[in-house]
Amino acid sequence: MLHFYSTKHKDEVDEIIDQFVLGAKIAHDAGADGVDIKLCHGYLGTQILRPYNDRNWKYGGPWENRRRFAYEIYERIAKEISDPNFLIGSKITMWEGIPGGQGCAGPDTSCMDLSEPLDLIRGLEERGADFILVSAGNPNLTVALAHPDKRVPDYAYLHHTFQREVKKVVSPKVAVIGSAYSVFRDGKNGFQGVEEGKNNLLYWGDKNIRDGVVDLVAIGRQSFADPLLPVKLKAGKTQEIKWCTLCDNCMELLVRQKNTGCATHDREYASILTEARQKEGKIKFKYA
């Protein structure tokens, strides 16, 4: 968990905000369409936003202080990059799944309370957010919630509720993007209590867009397995899609800080992973 006791550490957070702004300026000058300010998955933004950060300092304690970190980044970027076409948005953890985590009712409870994440999102729209990528969990602690897996695929349904709640509080100007869809793949995924044909990625992506749950669907692990998925779908070549096997070897490559891709469908990444395991041993993820 995050601890800030010294003035040095408090000043360091202000310096980090400067780096966020500098990074956005570099991206803009390099021709990028926009930036995603991460407020998810246990990164610094999450650590500051979570109720567990109840210490008395500039970015801690009351919600008005904890949300200041994100708001200052948005305000500074808007001020220093006066380009209306430059997009800014955030991937946000709605519920971290640990006591005192993001989306909890307080610093010492695991009970879900979305009031703070939803208030954060309303404030981000006021500060120019163009999109919100809705997520959950913390890959370091609650990986199955962050990236629903074949061991506990049903966590993906929680994401649909989070996406719907976000859609309710933003205007049509803000694109709500849903995550945790790769786990649905082609229906071979271990979901229980669902009719055949209604447990795959195409069904839930189409349904949630049509029902107004989301505006867009983000595809993560599945994009590693087959980056040509959209092209094949458009051409009606669903039988040619290489589906993600939910092995999470791509996540292991990411954790190891290696070039990341699909070790199942691409020999290059399989070789990278094999070599890394031989040198460093295999990483075991906790799917609790």
Protein backbone atom coordinates (compact mmCIF):
# COMPACT_ATOMS: atom_id res chain seq x y z
CA MET A 1 0.00 0.00 0.00
CA LEU A 2 1.00 3.63 -0.44
CA HIS A 3 2.65 5.50 2.43
CA PHE A 4 3.52 9.22 2.43
CA TYR A 5 5.12 10.47 5.61
CA SER A 6 7.83 12.91 4.53
CA THR A 7 7.77 16.25 2.71
CA LYS A 8 10.17 14.73 0.20
CA HIS A 9 7.60 12.15 -0.85
CA LYS A 10 4.85 14.75 -1.10
CA ASP A 11 7.04 16.92 -3.33
CA GLU A 12 7.83 13.86 -5.42
CA VAL A 13 4.14 13.48 -6.32
CA ASP A 14 4.10 17.05 -7.65
CA GLU A 15 7.15 16.19 -9.75
CA ILE A 16 5.36 13.10 -11.07
CA ILE A 17 2.43 15.29 -12.16
CA ASP A 18 4.96 17.42 -14.05
CA GLN A 19 6.13 14.24 -15.80
CA PHE A 20 2.57 13.31 -16.77
CA VAL A 21 2.16 16.71 -18.40
CA LEU A 22 5.54 16.50 -20.11
CA GLY A 23 4.68 13.03 -21.42
CA ALA A 24 1.42 14.34 -22.88
CA LYS A 25 3.24 17.25 -24.56
CA ILE A 26 5.80 14.87 -26.07
CA ALA A 27 3.00 12.61 -27.35
CA HIS A 28 1.20 15.60 -28.87
CA ASP A 29 4.33 16.95 -30.53
CA ALA A 30 5.12 13.49 -31.90
CA GLY A 31 1.72 13.38 -33.62
CA ALA A 32 -0.21 11.09 -31.26
CA ASP A 33 -4.00 11.44 -31.28
CA GLY A 34 -4.19 11.57 -27.50
CA VAL A 35 -3.16 10.09 -24.16
CA ASP A 36 -4.63 7.70 -21.60
CA ILE A 37 -4.01 8.83 -18.01
CA LYS A 38 -3.97 5.57 -16.06
CA LEU A 39 -6.15 5.64 -12.94
CA CYS A 40 -6.39 1.88 -12.63
CA HIS A 41 -4.81 -1.47 -11.79
CA GLY A 42 -2.76 -0.48 -8.74
CA TYR A 43 -0.67 2.19 -10.45
CA LEU A 44 0.08 5.43 -8.61
CA GLY A 45 -3.25 7.01 -9.61
CA THR A 46 -5.09 4.11 -8.00
CA GLN A 47 -2.97 4.25 -4.86
CA ILE A 48 -3.78 7.91 -4.35
CA LEU A 49 -7.48 7.56 -5.20
CA ARG A 50 -8.23 4.56 -2.98
CA PRO A 51 -9.86 5.21 0.44
CA TYR A 52 -6.91 3.47 2.10
CA ASN A 53 -4.97 6.68 1.41
CA ASP A 54 -6.52 8.30 4.50
CA ARG A 55 -3.46 10.24 5.65
CA ASN A 56 -3.60 13.99 6.14
CA TRP A 57 -1.73 15.47 3.19
CA LYS A 58 -2.38 17.34 -0.05
CA TYR A 59 -3.49 14.24 -1.95
CA GLY A 60 -4.86 12.17 0.93
CA GLY A 61 -7.65 11.88 3.45
CA PRO A 62 -10.95 13.43 2.24
CA TRP A 63 -12.16 12.52 -1.25
CA GLU A 64 -11.69 16.13 -2.38
CA ASN A 65 -7.96 15.72 -1.72
CA ARG A 66 -7.55 12.25 -3.22
CA ARG A 67 -9.23 13.15 -6.52
CA ARG A 68 -7.06 16.31 -6.80
CA PHE A 69 -4.15 14.28 -8.22
CA ALA A 70 -6.15 13.25 -11.31
CA TYR A 71 -7.85 16.61 -11.72
CA GLU A 72 -4.58 18.56 -11.62
CA ILE A 73 -3.11 16.36 -14.34
CA TYR A 74 -6.12 16.96 -16.60
CA GLU A 75 -6.17 20.70 -15.89
CA ARG A 76 -2.45 21.09 -16.52
CA ILE A 77 -2.59 19.13 -19.79
CA ALA A 78 -5.56 21.18 -21.02
CA LYS A 79 -3.72 24.39 -20.18
CA GLU A 80 -0.42 23.47 -21.79
CA ILE A 81 -1.79 21.68 -24.87
CA SER A 82 -4.34 24.01 -26.41
CA ASP A 83 -5.37 21.60 -29.16
CA PRO A 84 -9.10 20.71 -29.20
CA ASN A 85 -8.35 17.67 -31.37
CA PHE A 86 -5.93 16.11 -28.88
CA LEU A 87 -7.78 13.39 -26.99
CA ILE A 88 -7.47 12.75 -23.26
CA GLY A 89 -9.09 10.02 -21.24
CA SER A 90 -8.47 7.42 -18.57
CA LYS A 91 -8.67 3.74 -17.87
CA ILE A 92 -10.31 3.55 -14.44
CA THR A 93 -10.66 0.78 -11.89
CA MET A 94 -14.22 0.92 -10.62
CA TRP A 95 -13.69 -1.65 -7.85
CA GLU A 96 -10.25 -2.91 -6.88
CA GLY A 97 -11.50 -5.93 -4.97
CA ILE A 98 -9.37 -5.41 -1.84
CA PRO A 99 -10.28 -3.77 1.50
CA GLY A 100 -9.80 -0.02 1.26
CA GLY A 101 -9.21 -0.26 -2.47
CA GLN A 102 -10.57 1.92 -5.23
CA GLY A 103 -14.35 1.70 -5.30
CA CYS A 104 -14.67 0.62 -1.65
CA ALA A 105 -16.88 2.35 0.91
CA GLY A 106 -13.97 3.23 3.20
CA PRO A 107 -10.35 2.55 4.15
CA ASP A 108 -11.13 -0.57 6.18
CA THR A 109 -13.98 -2.22 4.26
CA SER A 110 -14.25 -4.33 1.13
CA CYS A 111 -17.88 -3.29 0.51
CA MET A 112 -18.34 -1.89 -2.97
CA ASP A 113 -19.33 1.77 -3.29
CA LEU A 114 -19.06 3.32 -6.75
CA SER A 115 -19.83 6.89 -5.61
CA GLU A 116 -16.18 8.00 -5.66
CA PRO A 117 -15.26 6.47 -9.05
CA LEU A 118 -18.43 7.89 -10.61
CA ASP A 119 -17.80 11.32 -9.09
CA LEU A 120 -14.23 11.14 -10.40
CA ILE A 121 -15.51 10.42 -13.90
CA ARG A 122 -17.99 13.32 -13.80
CA GLY A 123 -15.12 15.61 -12.80
CA LEU A 124 -12.90 14.27 -15.56
CA GLU A 125 -15.58 15.05 -18.13
CA GLU A 126 -15.79 18.60 -16.78
CA ARG A 127 -12.04 18.80 -17.36
CA GLY A 128 -12.21 17.63 -20.95
CA ALA A 129 -12.22 13.83 -20.89
CA ASP A 130 -13.06 12.40 -24.30
CA PHE A 131 -13.23 8.74 -23.25
CA ILE A 132 -13.36 6.50 -20.21
CA LEU A 133 -12.07 2.94 -20.44
CA VAL A 134 -13.91 1.07 -17.69
CA SER A 135 -11.97 -1.59 -15.83
CA ALA A 136 -11.67 -3.24 -12.42
CA GLY A 137 -9.26 -5.13 -10.22
CA ASN A 138 -5.54 -4.94 -9.63
CA PRO A 139 -3.36 -7.39 -11.63
CA ASN A 140 -0.87 -7.60 -8.78
CA LEU A 141 -3.53 -8.63 -6.24
CA THR A 142 -6.84 -9.45 -7.94
CA VAL A 143 -5.75 -10.49 -11.41
CA ALA A 144 -8.90 -12.51 -12.21
CA LEU A 145 -11.01 -9.42 -11.57
CA ALA A 146 -8.77 -7.23 -13.74
CA HIS A 147 -8.44 -9.83 -16.51
CA PRO A 148 -11.23 -12.42 -16.15
CA ASP A 149 -9.76 -15.84 -16.84
CA LYS A 150 -11.08 -19.30 -17.70
CA ARG A 151 -10.60 -20.25 -14.03
CA VAL A 152 -13.16 -17.63 -12.90
CA PRO A 153 -14.65 -16.23 -16.13
CA ASP A 154 -17.87 -15.01 -14.54
CA TYR A 155 -16.08 -11.95 -13.10
CA ALA A 156 -16.54 -10.53 -16.61
CA TYR A 157 -20.22 -9.93 -15.86
CA LEU A 158 -19.25 -7.49 -13.10
CA HIS A 159 -17.56 -5.36 -15.73
CA HIS A 160 -20.85 -4.98 -17.61
CA THR A 161 -22.44 -3.44 -14.53
CA PHE A 162 -19.53 -1.06 -14.06
CA GLN A 163 -19.76 -0.02 -17.71
CA ARG A 164 -23.51 0.63 -17.47
CA GLU A 165 -23.09 2.77 -14.35
CA VAL A 166 -20.42 4.90 -16.03
CA LYS A 167 -22.62 5.35 -19.11
CA LYS A 168 -25.35 6.77 -16.86
CA VAL A 169 -23.21 9.63 -15.49
CA VAL A 170 -21.47 10.93 -18.62
CA SER A 171 -22.80 12.90 -21.55
CA PRO A 172 -22.87 11.50 -25.11
CA LYS A 173 -19.67 13.48 -25.75
CA VAL A 174 -17.69 10.98 -23.68
CA ALA A 175 -17.04 7.57 -25.22
CA VAL A 176 -17.49 4.75 -22.70
CA ILE A 177 -15.23 1.84 -23.59
CA GLY A 178 -15.74 -1.59 -22.06
CA SER A 179 -12.98 -4.02 -21.14
CA ALA A 180 -12.88 -7.72 -20.08
CA TYR A 181 -14.35 -9.04 -23.34
CA SER A 182 -11.48 -11.28 -24.47
CA VAL A 183 -12.52 -13.95 -21.97
CA PHE A 184 -15.74 -14.57 -23.92
CA ARG A 185 -13.71 -15.60 -27.02
CA ASP A 186 -15.68 -18.06 -29.22
CA GLY A 187 -17.82 -19.43 -26.40
CA LYS A 188 -15.28 -22.00 -25.19
CA ASN A 189 -14.66 -20.33 -21.89
CA GLY A 190 -16.26 -22.09 -18.91
CA PHE A 191 -19.17 -19.70 -18.31
CA GLN A 192 -22.06 -21.30 -16.44
CA GLY A 193 -25.82 -20.88 -16.68
CA VAL A 194 -25.90 -19.40 -20.17
CA GLU A 195 -27.43 -20.56 -23.45
CA GLU A 196 -25.16 -21.76 -26.23
CA GLY A 197 -24.48 -18.91 -28.62
CA LYS A 198 -24.90 -16.30 -25.88
CA ASN A 199 -21.54 -16.68 -24.17
CA ASN A 200 -19.09 -15.43 -26.79
CA LEU A 201 -17.30 -12.16 -27.51
CA LEU A 202 -19.34 -11.24 -30.56
CA TYR A 203 -22.65 -11.76 -28.75
CA TRP A 204 -21.77 -9.67 -25.67
CA GLY A 205 -19.92 -6.98 -27.57
CA ASP A 206 -22.85 -6.51 -29.96
CA LYS A 207 -25.49 -6.74 -27.22
CA ASN A 208 -23.83 -4.25 -24.87
CA ILE A 209 -23.31 -1.70 -27.63
CA ARG A 210 -26.91 -2.08 -28.85
CA ASP A 211 -28.24 -1.88 -25.29
CA GLY A 212 -26.31 1.31 -24.56
CA VAL A 213 -24.09 -0.29 -21.92
CA VAL A 214 -20.97 0.86 -23.80
CA ASP A 215 -20.08 2.81 -26.91
CA LEU A 216 -17.04 0.72 -27.79
CA VAL A 217 -15.48 -2.59 -26.81
CA ALA A 218 -11.74 -2.79 -26.09
CA ILE A 219 -10.00 -6.01 -27.02
CA GLY A 220 -6.74 -6.68 -25.14
CA ARG A 221 -5.43 -10.25 -25.02
CA GLN A 222 -7.51 -11.19 -28.05
CA SER A 223 -5.65 -8.53 -30.07
CA PHE A 224 -2.38 -10.29 -29.28
CA ALA A 225 -3.86 -13.61 -30.41
CA ASP A 226 -5.20 -12.14 -33.65
CA PRO A 227 -4.65 -8.45 -34.48
CA LEU A 228 -6.68 -8.98 -37.67
CA LEU A 229 -9.87 -9.79 -35.76
CA PRO A 230 -11.77 -6.65 -36.95
CA VAL A 231 -10.79 -7.26 -40.58
CA LYS A 232 -11.86 -10.90 -40.44
CA LEU A 233 -15.15 -10.01 -38.79
CA LYS A 234 -15.91 -7.37 -41.42
CA ALA A 235 -15.15 -9.85 -44.18
CA GLY A 236 -17.30 -12.53 -42.57
CA LYS A 237 -14.31 -14.81 -42.04
CA THR A 238 -15.01 -15.72 -38.42
CA GLN A 239 -13.77 -19.25 -39.00
CA GLU A 240 -10.27 -17.86 -39.62
CA ILE A 241 -10.01 -16.01 -36.30
CA LYS A 242 -7.25 -17.16 -33.96
CA TRP A 243 -8.94 -17.06 -30.58
CA CYS A 244 -7.19 -16.19 -27.34
CA THR A 245 -6.71 -19.35 -25.26
CA LEU A 246 -6.71 -17.36 -21.97
CA CYS A 247 -3.33 -18.84 -21.03
CA ASP A 248 -2.12 -15.39 -19.84
CA ASN A 249 1.38 -16.01 -21.15
CA CYS A 250 1.19 -12.53 -22.69
CA MET A 251 0.68 -11.14 -19.19
CA GLU A 252 3.70 -13.06 -17.97
CA LEU A 253 5.80 -11.49 -20.74
CA LEU A 254 4.51 -8.07 -19.70
CA VAL A 255 5.38 -8.66 -16.04
CA ARG A 256 8.86 -9.78 -17.07
CA GLN A 257 9.26 -6.52 -19.05
CA LYS A 258 9.77 -8.44 -22.29
CA ASN A 259 8.43 -7.71 -25.76
CA THR A 260 4.82 -8.81 -25.41
CA GLY A 261 2.69 -10.82 -27.79
CA CYS A 262 0.87 -14.14 -28.10
CA ALA A 263 3.10 -17.07 -27.15
CA THR A 264 0.41 -19.49 -28.36
CA HIS A 265 -0.02 -18.27 -31.94
CA ASP A 266 3.36 -16.60 -32.54
CA ARG A 267 6.62 -18.56 -32.30
CA GLU A 268 8.67 -15.42 -31.73
CA TYR A 269 6.98 -14.73 -28.40
CA ALA A 270 6.95 -18.40 -27.47
CA SER A 271 10.75 -18.37 -27.81
CA ILE A 272 11.06 -15.19 -25.72
CA LEU A 273 8.93 -16.72 -22.97
CA THR A 274 10.76 -20.05 -22.99
CA GLU A 275 14.13 -18.34 -22.73
CA ALA A 276 12.92 -16.11 -19.88
CA ARG A 277 11.55 -19.06 -17.92
CA GLN A 278 14.77 -21.01 -18.34
CA LYS A 279 16.75 -18.09 -16.92
CA GLU A 280 14.36 -16.79 -14.25
CA GLY A 281 11.81 -19.54 -13.53
CA LYS A 282 8.06 -19.49 -14.19
CA ILE A 283 5.81 -16.82 -12.68
CA LYS A 284 2.67 -18.11 -10.96
CA PHE A 285 -0.26 -15.70 -10.79
CA LYS A 286 -2.75 -15.68 -7.92
CA TYR A 287 -6.28 -15.95 -9.26
CA ALA A 288 -8.07 -15.42 -5.95
